[in-house]
Protein backbone atom coordinates (compact mmCIF):
# COMPACT_ATOMS: atom_id res chain seq x y z
CA MET A 1 -5.69 108.11 -23.15
CA THR A 2 -8.28 110.38 -24.70
CA LYS A 3 -7.81 110.72 -28.43
CA ARG A 4 -7.31 114.29 -29.54
CA PHE A 5 -6.29 116.07 -32.70
CA CYS A 6 -4.66 119.34 -33.63
CA PRO A 7 -7.45 121.96 -33.99
CA TYR A 8 -5.36 123.84 -36.58
CA CYS A 9 -4.36 121.13 -39.04
CA ALA A 10 -6.74 118.36 -37.87
CA PHE A 11 -3.84 115.91 -37.46
CA LYS A 12 -5.47 112.87 -35.83
CA VAL A 13 -3.80 110.32 -33.58
CA CYS A 14 -3.37 106.80 -34.85
CA ALA A 15 -5.96 104.10 -34.26
CA SER A 16 -3.97 102.53 -31.40
CA GLY A 17 -4.31 105.71 -29.37
CA SER A 18 -0.59 106.57 -29.23
CA TRP A 19 0.59 110.06 -30.11
CA ARG A 20 2.70 110.56 -33.21
CA ASN A 21 3.12 114.20 -34.19
CA ILE A 22 1.44 115.66 -31.09
CA LYS A 23 3.73 116.12 -28.10
CA LYS A 24 3.24 117.46 -24.58
CA SER A 25 4.73 120.88 -24.03
CA GLY A 26 4.16 121.96 -20.44
CA ARG A 27 1.12 123.07 -18.44
CA PHE A 28 -0.53 126.24 -17.25
CA ARG A 29 -2.81 127.04 -14.33
CA ARG A 30 -6.23 128.25 -15.43
CA LYS A 31 -7.24 131.47 -13.70
CA SER A 32 -11.00 130.79 -13.53
CA ASP A 33 -10.86 127.56 -11.49
CA GLY A 34 -7.17 127.04 -10.68
CA LYS A 35 -6.97 123.77 -12.63
CA ARG A 36 -3.67 122.80 -14.30
CA VAL A 37 -4.23 122.30 -18.04
CA GLN A 38 -1.94 120.33 -20.35
CA ILE A 39 -0.37 122.12 -23.34
CA TYR A 40 0.43 120.25 -26.58
CA ARG A 41 2.48 121.02 -29.66
CA CYS A 42 1.71 119.72 -33.14
CA LEU A 43 4.92 118.83 -34.99
CA SER A 44 3.13 119.04 -38.34
CA CYS A 45 2.05 122.67 -38.22
CA ARG A 46 4.37 123.71 -35.32
CA ARG A 47 1.52 125.29 -33.35
CA TYR A 48 0.56 124.96 -29.70
CA PHE A 49 -2.84 124.17 -28.20
CA SER A 50 -4.16 123.04 -24.82
CA ALA A 51 -6.53 120.33 -23.60
CA ALA A 52 -9.03 123.12 -22.84
CA VAL A 53 -9.71 123.48 -26.59
CA PHE A 54 -11.81 120.29 -26.51
CA GLY A 55 -14.01 121.35 -23.57
CA HIS A 56 -17.49 122.82 -24.02
CA CYS A 57 -16.48 125.74 -21.75
CA TYR A 58 -13.52 126.75 -23.94
CA ARG A 59 -12.50 130.41 -23.52
CA GLN A 60 -14.99 131.04 -20.72
CA LYS A 61 -13.50 133.26 -18.03
CA LYS A 62 -16.21 132.60 -15.44
CA ARG A 63 -16.80 128.87 -15.84
CA GLN A 64 -16.93 128.46 -12.05
CA ILE A 65 -20.41 130.05 -11.95
CA ASN A 66 -21.93 127.85 -14.66
CA TYR A 67 -23.55 125.32 -12.34
CA PRO A 68 -24.69 127.88 -9.70
CA LEU A 69 -26.27 129.88 -12.54
CA PHE A 70 -27.85 126.71 -13.93
CA VAL A 71 -29.58 126.15 -10.58
CA ASP A 72 -30.46 129.83 -10.18
CA TYR A 73 -32.17 130.01 -13.59
CA CYS A 74 -34.44 127.14 -12.43
CA SER A 75 -35.42 128.96 -9.24
CA SER A 76 -37.67 131.72 -10.58
CA THR A 77 -34.78 134.18 -10.98
CA SER A 78 -34.67 136.85 -13.68
CA LEU A 79 -31.55 137.66 -15.70
CA ARG A 80 -31.13 140.99 -13.93
CA ARG A 81 -31.34 139.43 -10.47
CA ALA A 82 -28.96 136.63 -11.49
CA ALA A 83 -26.48 139.24 -12.73
CA ARG A 84 -26.73 141.07 -9.40
CA ASN A 85 -26.44 137.86 -7.33
CA PHE A 86 -23.28 136.68 -9.12
CA LYS A 87 -21.81 140.15 -9.64
CA ILE A 88 -21.68 139.88 -13.41
CA SER A 89 -23.02 142.12 -16.16
CA ARG A 90 -26.44 141.56 -17.70
CA THR A 91 -24.68 140.82 -20.99
CA THR A 92 -22.72 138.00 -19.34
CA ALA A 93 -25.91 136.67 -17.74
CA ALA A 94 -27.61 136.60 -21.15
CA ARG A 95 -24.64 134.86 -22.76
CA LYS A 96 -24.58 132.28 -19.97
CA LEU A 97 -28.30 131.66 -20.51
CA LYS A 98 -27.67 131.00 -24.21
CA PHE A 99 -24.70 128.71 -23.48
CA LEU A 100 -26.44 126.76 -20.70
CA GLY A 101 -29.60 126.46 -22.81
CA ALA A 102 -27.75 124.89 -25.76
CA TRP A 103 -25.82 122.56 -23.44
CA SER A 104 -28.97 121.57 -21.52
CA GLU A 105 -30.85 120.78 -24.72
CA ARG A 106 -28.09 118.40 -25.84
CA GLU A 107 -27.89 116.76 -22.41
CA LEU A 108 -31.68 116.43 -22.19
CA ARG A 109 -31.91 114.57 -25.50
CA SER A 110 -28.94 112.37 -24.62
CA LEU A 111 -30.52 111.52 -21.26
CA ASN A 112 -33.92 110.66 -22.74
CA GLN A 113 -32.34 108.53 -25.46
CA SER A 114 -30.51 106.49 -22.82
CA LEU A 115 -33.76 105.55 -21.04
CA ALA A 116 -36.41 103.03 -22.02
CA PRO A 117 -39.16 104.31 -24.37
CA ALA A 118 -42.22 105.69 -22.60
CA SER A 119 -45.40 103.61 -22.74
CA GLU A 120 -47.78 106.37 -21.56
CA VAL A 121 -47.36 110.04 -22.47
CA GLN A 122 -49.37 113.25 -22.34
CA PHE A 123 -48.95 116.39 -24.44
CA ASP A 124 -50.55 119.80 -24.82
CA ASP A 125 -49.78 123.47 -25.40
CA LEU A 126 -48.80 126.00 -22.75
CA GLU A 127 -49.41 129.60 -23.79
CA THR A 128 -47.21 132.60 -23.04
CA PHE A 129 -46.13 135.69 -24.99
CA GLU A 130 -43.13 137.67 -26.19
CA HIS A 131 -42.97 141.27 -24.98
CA THR A 132 -46.75 141.79 -25.12
CA LYS A 133 -49.90 139.67 -24.98
CA CYS A 134 -50.63 140.81 -28.52
CA LYS A 135 -47.75 138.51 -29.62
CA PRO A 136 -48.53 135.15 -28.00
CA LEU A 137 -46.32 132.07 -28.07
CA SER A 138 -47.19 128.40 -27.70
CA VAL A 139 -45.01 125.85 -25.88
CA THR A 140 -45.88 122.28 -26.88
CA LEU A 141 -44.79 119.90 -24.13
CA VAL A 142 -44.56 116.09 -24.11
CA VAL A 143 -44.45 114.47 -20.66
CA GLU A 144 -44.29 110.85 -19.55
CA LYS A 145 -47.34 109.93 -17.49
CA GLY A 146 -46.64 109.02 -13.87
CA THR A 147 -42.96 109.97 -13.72
CA ARG A 148 -43.59 113.47 -15.14
CA ARG A 149 -40.36 113.18 -17.16
CA ILE A 150 -40.15 115.87 -19.84
CA LEU A 151 -39.44 114.14 -23.15
CA ASP A 152 -39.18 117.24 -25.32
CA PHE A 153 -40.75 120.60 -26.16
CA GLU A 154 -41.16 123.01 -29.03
CA ILE A 155 -41.92 126.75 -29.18
CA SER A 156 -43.97 128.42 -31.90
CA GLN A 157 -45.70 131.72 -32.53
CA MET A 158 -49.47 132.04 -32.74
CA ALA A 159 -52.02 134.73 -33.52
CA ALA A 160 -53.70 136.78 -30.82
CA LYS A 161 -57.10 135.62 -29.55
CA GLY A 162 -60.18 137.14 -27.99
CA ARG A 163 -60.36 140.85 -27.27
CA LEU A 164 -56.76 141.47 -28.32
CA VAL A 165 -57.28 140.51 -31.98
CA LYS A 166 -58.13 144.01 -33.25
CA LEU A 167 -55.40 145.69 -31.21
CA ALA A 168 -52.80 143.12 -32.31
CA LEU A 169 -53.71 143.56 -35.97
CA LYS A 170 -53.51 147.33 -35.65
CA LYS A 171 -50.12 147.39 -33.90
CA TYR A 172 -48.28 144.38 -35.34
CA GLY A 173 -50.19 143.34 -38.45
CA VAL A 174 -51.07 139.77 -39.41
CA ARG A 175 -49.26 137.20 -37.26
CA SER A 176 -49.05 133.72 -38.75
CA ASP A 177 -49.79 130.61 -36.71
CA HIS A 178 -46.95 128.06 -36.62
CA ARG A 179 -48.38 125.70 -34.01
CA THR A 180 -49.25 122.89 -36.43
CA TYR A 181 -45.77 122.85 -37.96
CA ALA A 182 -44.10 122.94 -34.53
CA ARG A 183 -46.33 120.17 -33.16
CA ARG A 184 -45.57 117.86 -36.07
CA LYS A 185 -41.88 118.63 -35.80
CA LEU A 186 -41.98 117.77 -32.09
CA LEU A 187 -43.92 114.52 -32.55
CA LYS A 188 -41.49 113.40 -35.24
CA ARG A 189 -38.54 114.14 -32.93
CA VAL A 190 -39.97 112.29 -29.90
CA ALA A 191 -41.12 109.25 -31.89
CA PRO A 192 -37.98 107.22 -30.97
CA LEU A 193 -38.60 108.00 -27.27
CA ILE A 194 -42.15 106.60 -27.25
CA CYS A 195 -43.39 103.04 -27.81
CA GLN A 196 -45.33 102.70 -31.04
CA SER A 197 -48.17 101.02 -29.13
CA ALA A 198 -48.15 103.65 -26.36
CA LEU A 199 -51.11 105.35 -24.75
CA ILE A 200 -51.09 109.02 -25.77
CA GLU A 201 -53.38 111.42 -23.89
CA SER A 202 -54.28 115.04 -24.63
CA ASP A 203 -57.18 117.44 -24.44
CA GLN A 204 -59.90 117.61 -27.11
CA ASN A 205 -58.03 119.84 -29.54
CA PRO A 206 -59.48 118.89 -32.96
CA TYR A 207 -56.03 118.99 -34.63
CA TYR A 208 -54.35 116.48 -32.32
CA PRO A 209 -55.86 113.13 -33.50
CA LYS A 210 -54.68 113.52 -37.09
CA ASP A 211 -51.09 114.32 -36.08
CA VAL A 212 -50.93 111.51 -33.53
CA LYS A 213 -52.30 109.04 -36.09
CA HIS A 214 -49.68 110.11 -38.62
CA PHE A 215 -46.62 109.70 -36.37
CA PHE A 216 -47.95 106.93 -34.09
CA PRO A 217 -50.25 104.77 -36.25
CA HIS A 218 -50.31 101.91 -33.71
CA ALA A 219 -50.74 104.07 -30.58
CA ARG A 220 -54.01 104.57 -28.68
CA HIS A 221 -54.97 108.24 -28.47
CA VAL A 222 -57.37 109.31 -25.72
CA SER A 223 -58.79 112.86 -25.60
CA HIS A 224 -60.02 114.33 -22.32
CA LEU A 225 -62.43 117.20 -21.88
CA GLY A 226 -60.70 120.39 -20.74
CA GLN A 227 -61.40 121.49 -17.16
CA ARG A 228 -61.54 124.86 -15.44
CA GLY A 229 -58.21 126.03 -14.06
CA SER A 230 -57.57 126.53 -10.35
CA THR A 231 -55.90 129.55 -8.78
CA THR A 232 -53.29 127.27 -7.27
CA GLY A 233 -50.64 125.99 -9.64
CA GLN A 234 -50.56 129.17 -11.73
CA GLY A 235 -53.90 128.23 -13.26
CA GLU A 236 -52.52 125.00 -14.75
CA LEU A 237 -53.95 122.64 -12.11
CA LYS A 238 -57.65 121.92 -12.54
CA LYS A 239 -60.66 122.29 -10.20
CA VAL A 240 -61.60 118.62 -10.26
CA ARG A 241 -61.18 115.73 -7.83
CA PHE A 242 -59.40 113.59 -10.44
CA ASP A 243 -57.50 115.19 -13.32
CA PRO A 244 -56.70 112.64 -16.07
CA LEU A 245 -53.95 114.97 -17.36
CA PHE A 246 -52.44 115.61 -13.94
CA SER A 247 -48.86 114.66 -14.90
CA LEU A 248 -48.87 117.18 -17.74
CA ASN A 249 -50.70 119.94 -15.88
CA HIS A 250 -48.53 119.57 -12.77
CA THR A 251 -45.40 119.83 -14.93
CA CYS A 252 -46.78 122.96 -16.65
CA ALA A 253 -47.51 124.47 -13.23
CA MET A 254 -43.92 123.80 -12.17
CA LEU A 255 -42.63 125.44 -15.34
CA ARG A 256 -44.65 128.58 -14.65
CA ASP A 257 -43.51 128.67 -11.02
CA ASN A 258 -39.80 127.96 -11.57
CA ILE A 259 -39.19 129.96 -14.77
CA LYS A 260 -39.61 133.65 -14.03
CA ARG A 261 -40.66 134.67 -17.54
CA LEU A 262 -43.51 132.11 -17.56
CA GLY A 263 -45.23 133.36 -14.41
CA ARG A 264 -48.87 134.46 -14.71
CA LYS A 265 -48.35 137.72 -12.84
CA THR A 266 -44.85 139.00 -13.48
CA TRP A 267 -43.19 141.94 -15.21
CA CYS A 268 -40.33 139.66 -16.33
CA THR A 269 -41.41 138.86 -19.88
CA THR A 270 -39.78 137.13 -22.83
CA LYS A 271 -38.20 139.51 -25.35
CA LYS A 272 -36.82 136.80 -27.65
CA PRO A 273 -38.23 133.29 -28.24
CA GLU A 274 -34.64 131.97 -28.27
CA ALA A 275 -34.22 133.02 -24.63
CA LEU A 276 -37.48 131.29 -23.71
CA ARG A 277 -36.27 128.11 -25.40
CA ALA A 278 -33.00 128.26 -23.46
CA SER A 279 -34.84 128.79 -20.16
CA ILE A 280 -37.16 125.83 -20.75
CA ALA A 281 -34.26 123.58 -21.81
CA ILE A 282 -32.35 124.44 -18.63
CA TYR A 283 -35.36 123.77 -16.44
CA ALA A 284 -36.26 120.53 -18.29
CA LEU A 285 -32.80 119.09 -17.61
CA TYR A 286 -32.95 120.23 -13.97
CA HIS A 287 -36.45 118.78 -13.66
CA ASN A 288 -35.51 115.39 -15.12
CA THR A 289 -32.28 114.96 -13.15
CA LEU A 290 -33.00 116.53 -9.75
CA LEU A 291 -36.72 117.09 -9.16
CA ILE A 292 -38.34 113.80 -10.13
CA ASP A 293 -37.59 110.22 -9.09
CA GLN A 294 -34.93 108.68 -11.28
CA PRO A 295 -35.80 105.47 -13.17
CA THR A 296 -34.32 102.31 -11.68
CA SER A 297 -33.51 100.76 -15.05
């Protein structure tokens, strides 16, 4: 029997698993999915609660569309189109995105922790923006070489570059660059998922070697010269016969193609970095569980 406790007075069951002051008190049929849910009564505080209290979908009225929405958000669908497809409001679609994003992030980390540490990984930054190209964002991605399994990611803001610098300063003022902090935070978080003697590959960003050496002192870091992007693959795939960072670049191309807000030519843009994080978390879990070959061990 699953051990539960009263959510009002936190009265826990005994170590043997038998119920003492918590008794069954009927059932009810849930309207959203038709499932019969057990009701309990706590004899200590005299209050009632159901088994649904302990579920991660507690108080959701449309839980039956969670998985279809999860798949739809990974299929280059915007929030507005998802709301139209499932006949829900845009507010509900946004709330579902937030809920599914938080759940996917927990499941992704649990899944990666259950697998063997990666011996070869690749990492780099994927650039996008929030609302306007004058406010760019950086998505640092760590991918296992060969399997293309997404180990983790981190989002950070960065300053505008190139011809947009003057316009960005005029409209939005000075924008601080948080990429270094986010990259170090990510490398620290993925350290348990990577062998200490692993092969770590990246492009020739001058800031990468120092961070890799700090968090992976026994790893071998190899930097590859950046190549010109191809039209195919949303500009992430390279115009070379052999791309040493193919696993990473192919995964970035799939992110841009399957997440609507990351597309190169789209009017569906990110308004809040939190929504971008939720979208990437949802896709990363979908990618690791359904799109790539599952590890045999």
